[in-house]
Amino acid sequence: MLRLINKRRREVSVKNAYTLENEMELIKECRAGSDSARKRLYTLYSNRMLAVCYRYTGDMDAAHDVLHDGFIKIFTRFNFRGESSLATWITRVMVTQAIDYLRKQKRVNQWMVYEEQLPDVPDHSETGDNSGISEEQLLAFVAQLPDGCRTVFNLYVFEEKSHKEIAGMLHIKEHSSTSQLHRAKCLLVKKINEYRKNEERK
């Protein structure tokens, strides 16, 4: 499951590297206040960033709100310094915006869960394969995870944050991060197995 997601992420990263040859010129124009440049930037990244926002919020209406606020922040400040690719920087802005949204909605409380309060989930997070499961379906399963599990899973898998970094970002204990990730993987495997059984019955 994680191998499939990371493989697709690497493929997208390589593809994007060839579509941003004029990246620095676009950045200069955006900083100069060019509306046409901002429109090009939005057109280039909006669909991909909407998917990022949806992965974190689990709700498409909320994802659109986060996307809107994220681009307003980008166009207002545009403090890109070139320490990473533009795509990586924009993704980071959207992730921060999504987490802020969840925190403002008080859904952050679900991250503060004690071990004994987590429902039991069979420990089969690394079993089986993902043949027959599309990337879109797998990401839809990720969006359906509980807020805490989903947020930790996204940060660990997609943003490649360590549990220590995640704990600092979400103001939780490092052990809580590892527990939430484990639970997320178990729930995803359960969803995948249920999906396969339903498909076999058709």
N, C-alpha and C. Protein backbone atom coordinates (compact mmCIF):
# COMPACT_ATOMS: atom_id res chain seq x y z
N MET A 1 0.82 -1.21 0.00
CA MET A 1 0.00 0.00 0.00
C MET A 1 0.85 1.26 0.00
N LEU A 2 1.79 1.35 0.94
CA LEU A 2 2.67 2.51 0.99
C LEU A 2 3.60 2.55 -0.21
N ARG A 3 4.01 1.39 -0.70
CA ARG A 3 4.89 1.35 -1.88
C ARG A 3 4.17 1.90 -3.10
N LEU A 4 2.88 1.57 -3.25
CA LEU A 4 2.10 2.06 -4.38
C LEU A 4 2.00 3.58 -4.33
N ILE A 5 1.68 4.12 -3.17
CA ILE A 5 1.53 5.57 -3.03
C ILE A 5 2.85 6.27 -3.31
N ASN A 6 3.93 5.78 -2.73
CA ASN A 6 5.23 6.44 -2.92
C ASN A 6 5.73 6.32 -4.36
N LYS A 7 5.41 5.21 -5.03
CA LYS A 7 5.79 5.05 -6.43
C LYS A 7 5.09 6.10 -7.28
N ARG A 8 3.80 6.32 -7.06
CA ARG A 8 3.05 7.30 -7.81
C ARG A 8 3.55 8.71 -7.51
N ARG A 9 3.94 8.96 -6.27
CA ARG A 9 4.46 10.28 -5.90
C ARG A 9 5.76 10.57 -6.64
N ARG A 10 6.63 9.58 -6.76
CA ARG A 10 7.88 9.77 -7.47
C ARG A 10 7.63 10.03 -8.96
N GLU A 11 6.67 9.31 -9.54
CA GLU A 11 6.35 9.50 -10.95
C GLU A 11 5.83 10.91 -11.21
N VAL A 12 4.96 11.38 -10.33
CA VAL A 12 4.40 12.73 -10.48
C VAL A 12 5.49 13.77 -10.32
N SER A 13 6.42 13.54 -9.38
CA SER A 13 7.50 14.49 -9.14
C SER A 13 8.38 14.65 -10.37
N VAL A 14 8.72 13.53 -11.02
CA VAL A 14 9.55 13.58 -12.23
C VAL A 14 8.82 14.29 -13.35
N LYS A 15 7.54 13.99 -13.49
CA LYS A 15 6.74 14.61 -14.54
C LYS A 15 6.68 16.12 -14.36
N ASN A 16 6.46 16.55 -13.10
CA ASN A 16 6.33 17.97 -12.83
C ASN A 16 7.61 18.74 -13.10
N ALA A 17 8.75 18.07 -12.92
CA ALA A 17 10.03 18.74 -13.12
C ALA A 17 10.17 19.24 -14.55
N TYR A 18 9.51 18.57 -15.49
CA TYR A 18 9.60 18.96 -16.89
C TYR A 18 8.56 19.98 -17.29
N THR A 19 7.57 20.21 -16.45
CA THR A 19 6.51 21.15 -16.79
C THR A 19 6.75 22.53 -16.20
N LEU A 20 7.85 22.71 -15.45
CA LEU A 20 8.10 23.98 -14.77
C LEU A 20 9.42 24.61 -15.22
N GLU A 21 9.70 24.53 -16.51
CA GLU A 21 10.95 25.07 -17.02
C GLU A 21 11.03 26.59 -16.82
N ASN A 22 9.89 27.23 -16.87
CA ASN A 22 9.86 28.70 -16.71
C ASN A 22 9.42 29.09 -15.30
N GLU A 23 9.73 28.23 -14.35
CA GLU A 23 9.28 28.44 -12.97
C GLU A 23 9.74 29.77 -12.39
N MET A 24 11.00 30.11 -12.54
CA MET A 24 11.52 31.34 -11.94
C MET A 24 10.89 32.58 -12.56
N GLU A 25 10.64 32.55 -13.85
CA GLU A 25 9.99 33.68 -14.51
C GLU A 25 8.57 33.85 -14.01
N LEU A 26 7.88 32.74 -13.82
CA LEU A 26 6.51 32.78 -13.31
C LEU A 26 6.49 33.35 -11.90
N ILE A 27 7.46 32.97 -11.09
CA ILE A 27 7.56 33.48 -9.72
C ILE A 27 7.77 34.99 -9.72
N LYS A 28 8.66 35.47 -10.58
CA LYS A 28 8.93 36.90 -10.67
C LYS A 28 7.68 37.68 -11.05
N GLU A 29 6.93 37.15 -12.00
CA GLU A 29 5.73 37.82 -12.46
C GLU A 29 4.66 37.85 -11.36
N CYS A 30 4.54 36.75 -10.62
CA CYS A 30 3.57 36.69 -9.52
C CYS A 30 3.93 37.71 -8.44
N ARG A 31 5.21 37.80 -8.12
CA ARG A 31 5.66 38.75 -7.11
C ARG A 31 5.43 40.19 -7.56
N ALA A 32 5.47 40.41 -8.88
CA ALA A 32 5.25 41.76 -9.42
C ALA A 32 3.76 42.11 -9.48
N GLY A 33 2.92 41.13 -9.09
CA GLY A 33 1.49 41.40 -9.06
C GLY A 33 0.75 41.12 -10.35
N SER A 34 1.35 40.35 -11.25
CA SER A 34 0.72 40.04 -12.53
C SER A 34 -0.46 39.09 -12.34
N ASP A 35 -1.65 39.55 -12.69
CA ASP A 35 -2.84 38.71 -12.58
C ASP A 35 -2.78 37.51 -13.52
N SER A 36 -2.23 37.72 -14.71
CA SER A 36 -2.14 36.61 -15.66
C SER A 36 -1.19 35.53 -15.15
N ALA A 37 -0.10 35.94 -14.50
CA ALA A 37 0.84 34.97 -13.93
C ALA A 37 0.19 34.21 -12.78
N ARG A 38 -0.57 34.91 -11.96
CA ARG A 38 -1.26 34.26 -10.85
C ARG A 38 -2.28 33.25 -11.37
N LYS A 39 -2.95 33.63 -12.45
CA LYS A 39 -3.93 32.72 -13.05
C LYS A 39 -3.23 31.47 -13.59
N ARG A 40 -2.06 31.66 -14.22
CA ARG A 40 -1.31 30.52 -14.73
C ARG A 40 -0.85 29.60 -13.59
N LEU A 41 -0.39 30.22 -12.51
CA LEU A 41 0.05 29.44 -11.35
C LEU A 41 -1.11 28.64 -10.77
N TYR A 42 -2.25 29.29 -10.64
CA TYR A 42 -3.45 28.62 -10.10
C TYR A 42 -3.87 27.48 -11.01
N THR A 43 -3.89 27.73 -12.32
CA THR A 43 -4.29 26.70 -13.28
C THR A 43 -3.34 25.51 -13.23
N LEU A 44 -2.06 25.80 -13.06
CA LEU A 44 -1.04 24.76 -13.04
C LEU A 44 -1.15 23.86 -11.82
N TYR A 45 -1.53 24.44 -10.67
CA TYR A 45 -1.47 23.69 -9.42
C TYR A 45 -2.81 23.41 -8.74
N SER A 46 -3.88 24.07 -9.12
CA SER A 46 -5.11 24.00 -8.35
C SER A 46 -5.68 22.58 -8.21
N ASN A 47 -5.71 21.83 -9.30
CA ASN A 47 -6.28 20.47 -9.21
C ASN A 47 -5.45 19.57 -8.30
N ARG A 48 -4.13 19.66 -8.44
CA ARG A 48 -3.25 18.85 -7.60
C ARG A 48 -3.36 19.25 -6.13
N MET A 49 -3.43 20.57 -5.88
CA MET A 49 -3.52 21.04 -4.51
C MET A 49 -4.90 20.77 -3.89
N LEU A 50 -5.93 20.74 -4.72
CA LEU A 50 -7.26 20.39 -4.21
C LEU A 50 -7.23 18.95 -3.68
N ALA A 51 -6.52 18.08 -4.39
CA ALA A 51 -6.39 16.69 -3.94
C ALA A 51 -5.65 16.63 -2.61
N VAL A 52 -4.63 17.47 -2.45
CA VAL A 52 -3.89 17.52 -1.18
C VAL A 52 -4.82 17.98 -0.06
N CYS A 53 -5.57 19.04 -0.31
CA CYS A 53 -6.49 19.57 0.71
C CYS A 53 -7.55 18.54 1.08
N TYR A 54 -8.03 17.80 0.08
CA TYR A 54 -9.05 16.79 0.33
C TYR A 54 -8.50 15.64 1.17
N ARG A 55 -7.24 15.27 0.91
CA ARG A 55 -6.63 14.20 1.70
C ARG A 55 -6.60 14.55 3.18
N TYR A 56 -6.44 15.83 3.48
CA TYR A 56 -6.35 16.24 4.89
C TYR A 56 -7.71 16.51 5.51
N THR A 57 -8.62 17.10 4.77
CA THR A 57 -9.91 17.46 5.36
C THR A 57 -10.93 16.34 5.28
N GLY A 58 -10.81 15.49 4.25
CA GLY A 58 -11.77 14.42 4.09
C GLY A 58 -13.14 14.91 3.64
N ASP A 59 -13.23 16.16 3.20
CA ASP A 59 -14.49 16.77 2.79
C ASP A 59 -14.21 17.73 1.63
N MET A 60 -14.92 17.55 0.52
CA MET A 60 -14.60 18.33 -0.67
C MET A 60 -14.91 19.81 -0.51
N ASP A 61 -16.02 20.15 0.16
CA ASP A 61 -16.34 21.56 0.37
C ASP A 61 -15.26 22.23 1.22
N ALA A 62 -14.84 21.54 2.27
CA ALA A 62 -13.77 22.07 3.12
C ALA A 62 -12.47 22.17 2.34
N ALA A 63 -12.22 21.20 1.46
CA ALA A 63 -11.00 21.21 0.65
C ALA A 63 -10.96 22.45 -0.25
N HIS A 64 -12.11 22.81 -0.83
CA HIS A 64 -12.17 24.01 -1.67
C HIS A 64 -11.90 25.27 -0.85
N ASP A 65 -12.43 25.30 0.37
CA ASP A 65 -12.19 26.46 1.25
C ASP A 65 -10.71 26.58 1.58
N VAL A 66 -10.08 25.47 1.91
CA VAL A 66 -8.66 25.47 2.25
C VAL A 66 -7.83 25.87 1.04
N LEU A 67 -8.19 25.35 -0.12
CA LEU A 67 -7.48 25.70 -1.36
C LEU A 67 -7.57 27.21 -1.61
N HIS A 68 -8.75 27.77 -1.47
CA HIS A 68 -8.95 29.21 -1.69
C HIS A 68 -8.09 30.03 -0.75
N ASP A 69 -8.16 29.70 0.55
CA ASP A 69 -7.39 30.45 1.55
C ASP A 69 -5.89 30.26 1.35
N GLY A 70 -5.50 29.05 0.91
CA GLY A 70 -4.10 28.78 0.68
C GLY A 70 -3.52 29.63 -0.45
N PHE A 71 -4.26 29.76 -1.53
CA PHE A 71 -3.77 30.57 -2.65
C PHE A 71 -3.79 32.06 -2.31
N ILE A 72 -4.75 32.49 -1.51
CA ILE A 72 -4.74 33.88 -1.06
C ILE A 72 -3.47 34.16 -0.27
N LYS A 73 -3.10 33.23 0.61
CA LYS A 73 -1.88 33.38 1.39
C LYS A 73 -0.65 33.40 0.47
N ILE A 74 -0.64 32.54 -0.52
CA ILE A 74 0.48 32.49 -1.45
C ILE A 74 0.62 33.79 -2.22
N PHE A 75 -0.48 34.30 -2.77
CA PHE A 75 -0.42 35.51 -3.58
C PHE A 75 -0.18 36.76 -2.75
N THR A 76 -0.58 36.72 -1.47
CA THR A 76 -0.38 37.88 -0.60
C THR A 76 1.06 38.00 -0.13
N ARG A 77 1.67 36.88 0.19
CA ARG A 77 3.02 36.91 0.77
C ARG A 77 4.09 36.46 -0.22
N PHE A 78 3.85 35.39 -0.90
CA PHE A 78 4.76 34.78 -1.87
C PHE A 78 6.22 34.83 -1.41
N ASN A 79 6.45 34.24 -0.24
CA ASN A 79 7.80 34.24 0.34
C ASN A 79 8.59 32.99 -0.03
N PHE A 80 8.41 32.55 -1.28
CA PHE A 80 9.17 31.41 -1.79
C PHE A 80 10.64 31.80 -1.94
N ARG A 81 11.54 31.01 -1.34
CA ARG A 81 12.97 31.36 -1.33
C ARG A 81 13.81 30.41 -2.18
N GLY A 82 13.19 29.45 -2.81
CA GLY A 82 13.93 28.55 -3.68
C GLY A 82 14.66 27.43 -2.98
N GLU A 83 14.37 27.20 -1.69
CA GLU A 83 15.05 26.12 -0.98
C GLU A 83 14.50 24.75 -1.39
N SER A 84 13.40 24.74 -2.11
CA SER A 84 12.81 23.51 -2.63
C SER A 84 12.15 23.85 -3.97
N SER A 85 11.53 22.88 -4.60
CA SER A 85 10.81 23.17 -5.83
C SER A 85 9.56 23.99 -5.49
N LEU A 86 9.05 24.71 -6.47
CA LEU A 86 7.85 25.50 -6.25
C LEU A 86 6.68 24.60 -5.86
N ALA A 87 6.59 23.43 -6.50
CA ALA A 87 5.51 22.48 -6.18
C ALA A 87 5.56 22.05 -4.72
N THR A 88 6.77 21.77 -4.24
CA THR A 88 6.93 21.35 -2.84
C THR A 88 6.54 22.47 -1.89
N TRP A 89 6.93 23.69 -2.23
CA TRP A 89 6.61 24.84 -1.38
C TRP A 89 5.10 25.09 -1.34
N ILE A 90 4.44 25.04 -2.48
CA ILE A 90 2.99 25.26 -2.52
C ILE A 90 2.27 24.16 -1.75
N THR A 91 2.74 22.93 -1.89
CA THR A 91 2.15 21.82 -1.14
C THR A 91 2.28 22.06 0.36
N ARG A 92 3.45 22.56 0.78
CA ARG A 92 3.68 22.82 2.20
C ARG A 92 2.72 23.89 2.72
N VAL A 93 2.47 24.92 1.91
CA VAL A 93 1.52 25.97 2.30
C VAL A 93 0.13 25.36 2.47
N MET A 94 -0.28 24.51 1.54
CA MET A 94 -1.61 23.91 1.59
C MET A 94 -1.76 22.96 2.77
N VAL A 95 -0.72 22.21 3.07
CA VAL A 95 -0.76 21.30 4.21
C VAL A 95 -0.92 22.09 5.51
N THR A 96 -0.14 23.15 5.65
CA THR A 96 -0.25 24.00 6.84
C THR A 96 -1.64 24.61 6.94
N GLN A 97 -2.17 25.05 5.81
CA GLN A 97 -3.50 25.65 5.79
C GLN A 97 -4.56 24.62 6.18
N ALA A 98 -4.42 23.40 5.71
CA ALA A 98 -5.37 22.34 6.03
C ALA A 98 -5.34 21.99 7.52
N ILE A 99 -4.15 21.91 8.08
CA ILE A 99 -4.04 21.60 9.51
C ILE A 99 -4.61 22.74 10.34
N ASP A 100 -4.36 23.98 9.92
CA ASP A 100 -4.95 25.13 10.61
C ASP A 100 -6.47 25.08 10.55
N TYR A 101 -6.99 24.66 9.42
CA TYR A 101 -8.45 24.55 9.27
C TYR A 101 -9.01 23.53 10.25
N LEU A 102 -8.38 22.35 10.32
CA LEU A 102 -8.84 21.32 11.23
C LEU A 102 -8.75 21.78 12.68
N ARG A 103 -7.69 22.53 12.98
CA ARG A 103 -7.52 23.04 14.34
C ARG A 103 -8.61 24.05 14.69
N LYS A 104 -8.93 24.94 13.75
CA LYS A 104 -9.97 25.95 13.98
C LYS A 104 -11.35 25.31 14.11
N GLN A 105 -11.54 24.17 13.43
CA GLN A 105 -12.81 23.45 13.51
C GLN A 105 -12.88 22.58 14.76
N LYS A 106 -11.84 22.67 15.58
CA LYS A 106 -11.73 21.92 16.83
C LYS A 106 -11.69 20.42 16.60
N ARG A 107 -11.37 20.02 15.38
CA ARG A 107 -11.20 18.60 15.10
C ARG A 107 -9.82 18.15 15.55
N VAL A 108 -8.99 19.11 15.97
CA VAL A 108 -7.67 18.79 16.51
C VAL A 108 -7.79 17.96 17.77
N ASN A 109 -8.91 18.06 18.49
CA ASN A 109 -9.09 17.30 19.72
C ASN A 109 -8.97 15.80 19.48
N GLN A 110 -9.29 15.36 18.26
CA GLN A 110 -9.23 13.94 17.98
C GLN A 110 -7.80 13.44 17.88
N TRP A 111 -6.84 14.35 17.77
CA TRP A 111 -5.45 13.91 17.73
C TRP A 111 -4.96 13.55 19.13
N MET A 112 -5.58 14.15 20.14
CA MET A 112 -5.14 13.93 21.51
C MET A 112 -5.84 12.72 22.10
N VAL A 113 -5.46 11.54 21.61
CA VAL A 113 -6.12 10.31 22.02
C VAL A 113 -5.14 9.43 22.78
N TYR A 114 -5.59 8.93 23.91
CA TYR A 114 -4.75 8.02 24.69
C TYR A 114 -4.84 6.62 24.08
N GLU A 115 -3.79 5.85 24.27
CA GLU A 115 -3.72 4.52 23.69
C GLU A 115 -4.95 3.68 24.05
N GLU A 116 -5.34 3.69 25.31
CA GLU A 116 -6.44 2.84 25.74
C GLU A 116 -7.79 3.27 25.17
N GLN A 117 -7.85 4.47 24.58
CA GLN A 117 -9.09 4.95 24.00
C GLN A 117 -9.22 4.58 22.53
N LEU A 118 -8.17 4.08 21.93
CA LEU A 118 -8.22 3.69 20.53
C LEU A 118 -8.90 2.32 20.40
N PRO A 119 -9.96 2.21 19.59
CA PRO A 119 -10.61 0.91 19.39
C PRO A 119 -9.63 -0.09 18.82
N ASP A 120 -9.84 -1.36 19.16
CA ASP A 120 -8.96 -2.41 18.65
C ASP A 120 -9.13 -2.58 17.15
N VAL A 121 -8.02 -2.73 16.47
CA VAL A 121 -8.03 -3.00 15.04
C VAL A 121 -7.07 -4.15 14.80
N PRO A 122 -7.48 -5.20 14.08
CA PRO A 122 -6.58 -6.33 13.81
C PRO A 122 -5.25 -5.86 13.23
N ASP A 123 -4.18 -6.46 13.72
CA ASP A 123 -2.84 -6.04 13.28
C ASP A 123 -2.47 -6.77 11.98
N HIS A 124 -3.01 -6.25 10.84
CA HIS A 124 -2.65 -6.84 9.56
C HIS A 124 -2.31 -5.73 8.58
N SER A 125 -1.65 -4.69 9.09
CA SER A 125 -1.39 -3.51 8.27
C SER A 125 -0.43 -3.75 7.11
N GLU A 126 0.36 -4.82 7.16
CA GLU A 126 1.33 -5.04 6.09
C GLU A 126 0.99 -6.28 5.27
N THR A 127 -0.22 -6.82 5.43
CA THR A 127 -0.56 -8.03 4.70
C THR A 127 -1.22 -7.71 3.38
N GLY A 128 -1.19 -8.67 2.47
CA GLY A 128 -1.89 -8.51 1.20
C GLY A 128 -1.16 -7.59 0.24
N ASP A 129 -1.75 -7.46 -0.98
CA ASP A 129 -1.20 -6.54 -1.95
C ASP A 129 -2.32 -5.60 -2.37
N ASN A 130 -2.00 -4.71 -3.29
CA ASN A 130 -2.98 -3.71 -3.70
C ASN A 130 -3.33 -3.82 -5.18
N SER A 131 -3.12 -5.00 -5.77
CA SER A 131 -3.48 -5.18 -7.16
C SER A 131 -4.98 -5.02 -7.32
N GLY A 132 -5.36 -4.30 -8.36
CA GLY A 132 -6.77 -4.09 -8.60
C GLY A 132 -7.33 -2.88 -7.89
N ILE A 133 -6.51 -2.20 -7.09
CA ILE A 133 -6.94 -0.99 -6.39
C ILE A 133 -6.32 0.21 -7.07
N SER A 134 -7.14 1.08 -7.60
CA SER A 134 -6.62 2.26 -8.28
C SER A 134 -6.07 3.27 -7.28
N GLU A 135 -5.22 4.16 -7.77
CA GLU A 135 -4.69 5.21 -6.90
C GLU A 135 -5.82 6.08 -6.38
N GLU A 136 -6.80 6.40 -7.24
CA GLU A 136 -7.92 7.23 -6.83
C GLU A 136 -8.72 6.58 -5.71
N GLN A 137 -8.95 5.27 -5.83
CA GLN A 137 -9.71 4.56 -4.79
C GLN A 137 -8.94 4.52 -3.49
N LEU A 138 -7.64 4.30 -3.58
CA LEU A 138 -6.82 4.24 -2.38
C LEU A 138 -6.81 5.59 -1.66
N LEU A 139 -6.69 6.69 -2.42
CA LEU A 139 -6.69 8.01 -1.81
C LEU A 139 -8.07 8.35 -1.25
N ALA A 140 -9.11 7.80 -1.86
CA ALA A 140 -10.46 8.00 -1.31
C ALA A 140 -10.57 7.32 0.05
N PHE A 141 -9.96 6.14 0.18
CA PHE A 141 -9.95 5.46 1.47
C PHE A 141 -9.19 6.28 2.51
N VAL A 142 -8.09 6.90 2.10
CA VAL A 142 -7.31 7.74 3.01
C VAL A 142 -8.19 8.90 3.52
N ALA A 143 -8.94 9.51 2.60
CA ALA A 143 -9.80 10.64 2.98
C ALA A 143 -10.88 10.23 3.96
N GLN A 144 -11.25 8.95 3.98
CA GLN A 144 -12.31 8.47 4.86
C GLN A 144 -11.82 8.13 6.27
N LEU A 145 -10.52 8.17 6.49
CA LEU A 145 -9.98 7.85 7.81
C LEU A 145 -10.39 8.90 8.83
N PRO A 146 -10.45 8.55 10.12
CA PRO A 146 -10.70 9.55 11.17
C PRO A 146 -9.64 10.64 11.11
N ASP A 147 -9.99 11.83 11.56
CA ASP A 147 -9.12 13.00 11.42
C ASP A 147 -7.69 12.76 11.89
N GLY A 148 -7.55 12.20 13.09
CA GLY A 148 -6.22 12.00 13.65
C GLY A 148 -5.38 11.05 12.83
N CYS A 149 -5.95 9.89 12.51
CA CYS A 149 -5.24 8.90 11.70
C CYS A 149 -4.89 9.46 10.33
N ARG A 150 -5.86 10.13 9.73
CA ARG A 150 -5.66 10.66 8.38
C ARG A 150 -4.54 11.70 8.36
N THR A 151 -4.52 12.59 9.34
CA THR A 151 -3.53 13.65 9.37
C THR A 151 -2.13 13.08 9.57
N VAL A 152 -1.98 12.17 10.51
CA VAL A 152 -0.67 11.56 10.75
C VAL A 152 -0.22 10.76 9.53
N PHE A 153 -1.14 10.00 8.94
CA PHE A 153 -0.80 9.20 7.76
C PHE A 153 -0.32 10.10 6.62
N ASN A 154 -1.03 11.18 6.37
CA ASN A 154 -0.64 12.10 5.31
C ASN A 154 0.74 12.71 5.55
N LEU A 155 0.97 13.16 6.77
CA LEU A 155 2.25 13.79 7.10
C LEU A 155 3.40 12.79 6.98
N TYR A 156 3.16 11.57 7.43
CA TYR A 156 4.22 10.56 7.43
C TYR A 156 4.50 10.04 6.02
N VAL A 157 3.45 9.73 5.26
CA VAL A 157 3.60 9.10 3.96
C VAL A 157 3.87 10.12 2.85
N PHE A 158 3.06 11.17 2.79
CA PHE A 158 3.15 12.10 1.67
C PHE A 158 4.16 13.22 1.91
N GLU A 159 4.23 13.73 3.14
CA GLU A 159 5.20 14.79 3.43
C GLU A 159 6.50 14.24 3.99
N GLU A 160 6.54 12.92 4.22
CA GLU A 160 7.74 12.23 4.69
C GLU A 160 8.30 12.83 5.98
N LYS A 161 7.40 13.19 6.88
CA LYS A 161 7.81 13.71 8.19
C LYS A 161 8.09 12.55 9.14
N SER A 162 9.02 12.76 10.05
CA SER A 162 9.29 11.76 11.07
C SER A 162 8.22 11.88 12.16
N HIS A 163 8.13 10.86 13.00
CA HIS A 163 7.14 10.92 14.09
C HIS A 163 7.47 12.07 15.06
N LYS A 164 8.75 12.34 15.21
CA LYS A 164 9.15 13.46 16.07
C LYS A 164 8.66 14.78 15.49
N GLU A 165 8.82 14.94 14.17
CA GLU A 165 8.36 16.16 13.51
C GLU A 165 6.84 16.29 13.58
N ILE A 166 6.15 15.17 13.36
CA ILE A 166 4.69 15.18 13.41
C ILE A 166 4.20 15.55 14.80
N ALA A 167 4.84 14.99 15.80
CA ALA A 167 4.46 15.29 17.18
C ALA A 167 4.60 16.78 17.46
N GLY A 168 5.67 17.38 16.95
CA GLY A 168 5.87 18.81 17.15
C GLY A 168 4.84 19.65 16.42
N MET A 169 4.49 19.24 15.20
CA MET A 169 3.53 19.99 14.40
C MET A 169 2.12 19.94 15.00
N LEU A 170 1.75 18.76 15.52
CA LEU A 170 0.38 18.57 16.00
C LEU A 170 0.25 18.71 17.51
N HIS A 171 1.37 18.97 18.18
CA HIS A 171 1.38 19.13 19.64
C HIS A 171 0.85 17.87 20.33
N ILE A 172 1.37 16.73 19.90
CA ILE A 172 1.01 15.46 20.51
C ILE A 172 2.30 14.73 20.88
N LYS A 173 2.16 13.63 21.61
CA LYS A 173 3.32 12.83 21.96
C LYS A 173 3.76 12.01 20.74
N GLU A 174 5.04 11.77 20.67
CA GLU A 174 5.58 11.00 19.55
C GLU A 174 4.94 9.61 19.48
N HIS A 175 4.70 9.02 20.65
CA HIS A 175 4.07 7.70 20.68
C HIS A 175 2.66 7.75 20.10
N SER A 176 1.96 8.86 20.30
CA SER A 176 0.62 9.01 19.73
C SER A 176 0.67 9.02 18.22
N SER A 177 1.72 9.62 17.67
CA SER A 177 1.88 9.65 16.22
C SER A 177 2.08 8.25 15.66
N THR A 178 2.94 7.47 16.30
CA THR A 178 3.18 6.10 15.81
C THR A 178 1.91 5.27 15.93
N SER A 179 1.14 5.47 17.00
CA SER A 179 -0.09 4.72 17.19
C SER A 179 -1.13 5.09 16.14
N GLN A 180 -1.24 6.38 15.85
CA GLN A 180 -2.20 6.83 14.85
C GLN A 180 -1.83 6.30 13.46
N LEU A 181 -0.55 6.26 13.15
CA LEU A 181 -0.12 5.73 11.86
C LEU A 181 -0.45 4.24 11.75
N HIS A 182 -0.16 3.51 12.81
CA HIS A 182 -0.46 2.08 12.81
C HIS A 182 -1.95 1.85 12.62
N ARG A 183 -2.76 2.61 13.32
CA ARG A 183 -4.21 2.46 13.20
C ARG A 183 -4.67 2.83 11.78
N ALA A 184 -4.08 3.87 11.22
CA ALA A 184 -4.45 4.27 9.86
C ALA A 184 -4.18 3.15 8.86
N LYS A 185 -3.00 2.53 8.97
CA LYS A 185 -2.65 1.46 8.05
C LYS A 185 -3.58 0.26 8.22
N CYS A 186 -3.92 -0.06 9.45
CA CYS A 186 -4.83 -1.18 9.70
C CYS A 186 -6.21 -0.91 9.13
N LEU A 187 -6.70 0.30 9.32
CA LEU A 187 -8.02 0.67 8.79
C LEU A 187 -8.03 0.66 7.27
N LEU A 188 -6.92 1.10 6.66
CA LEU A 188 -6.85 1.10 5.21
C LEU A 188 -6.86 -0.32 4.65
N VAL A 189 -6.12 -1.22 5.29
CA VAL A 189 -6.11 -2.62 4.85
C VAL A 189 -7.51 -3.22 4.98
N LYS A 190 -8.19 -2.88 6.06
CA LYS A 190 -9.56 -3.37 6.27
C LYS A 190 -10.48 -2.87 5.16
N LYS A 191 -10.37 -1.58 4.80
CA LYS A 191 -11.18 -1.01 3.74
C LYS A 191 -10.88 -1.66 2.40
N ILE A 192 -9.59 -1.90 2.14
CA ILE A 192 -9.18 -2.52 0.87
C ILE A 192 -9.74 -3.94 0.77
N ASN A 193 -9.65 -4.70 1.85
CA ASN A 193 -10.16 -6.08 1.84
C ASN A 193 -11.67 -6.10 1.64
N GLU A 194 -12.37 -5.18 2.29
CA GLU A 194 -13.83 -5.10 2.11
C GLU A 194 -14.19 -4.71 0.69
N TYR A 195 -13.41 -3.81 0.12
CA TYR A 195 -13.63 -3.37 -1.26
C TYR A 195 -13.46 -4.54 -2.22
N ARG A 196 -12.42 -5.34 -2.01
CA ARG A 196 -12.16 -6.48 -2.87
C ARG A 196 -13.30 -7.50 -2.80
N LYS A 197 -13.76 -7.76 -1.59
CA LYS A 197 -14.85 -8.73 -1.43
C LYS A 197 -16.11 -8.27 -2.14
N ASN A 198 -16.39 -6.97 -2.05
CA ASN A 198 -17.57 -6.43 -2.72
C ASN A 198 -17.44 -6.51 -4.24
N GLU A 199 -16.22 -6.28 -4.73
CA GLU A 199 -15.97 -6.36 -6.17
C GLU A 199 -16.10 -7.79 -6.67
N GLU A 200 -15.68 -8.75 -5.84
CA GLU A 200 -15.76 -10.16 -6.24
C GLU A 200 -17.20 -10.64 -6.32
N ARG A 201 -18.09 -10.02 -5.53
CA ARG A 201 -19.50 -10.42 -5.53
C ARG A 201 -20.25 -9.91 -6.75
N LYS A 202 -19.68 -8.91 -7.43
CA LYS A 202 -20.38 -8.33 -8.57
C LYS A 202 -20.31 -9.26 -9.80
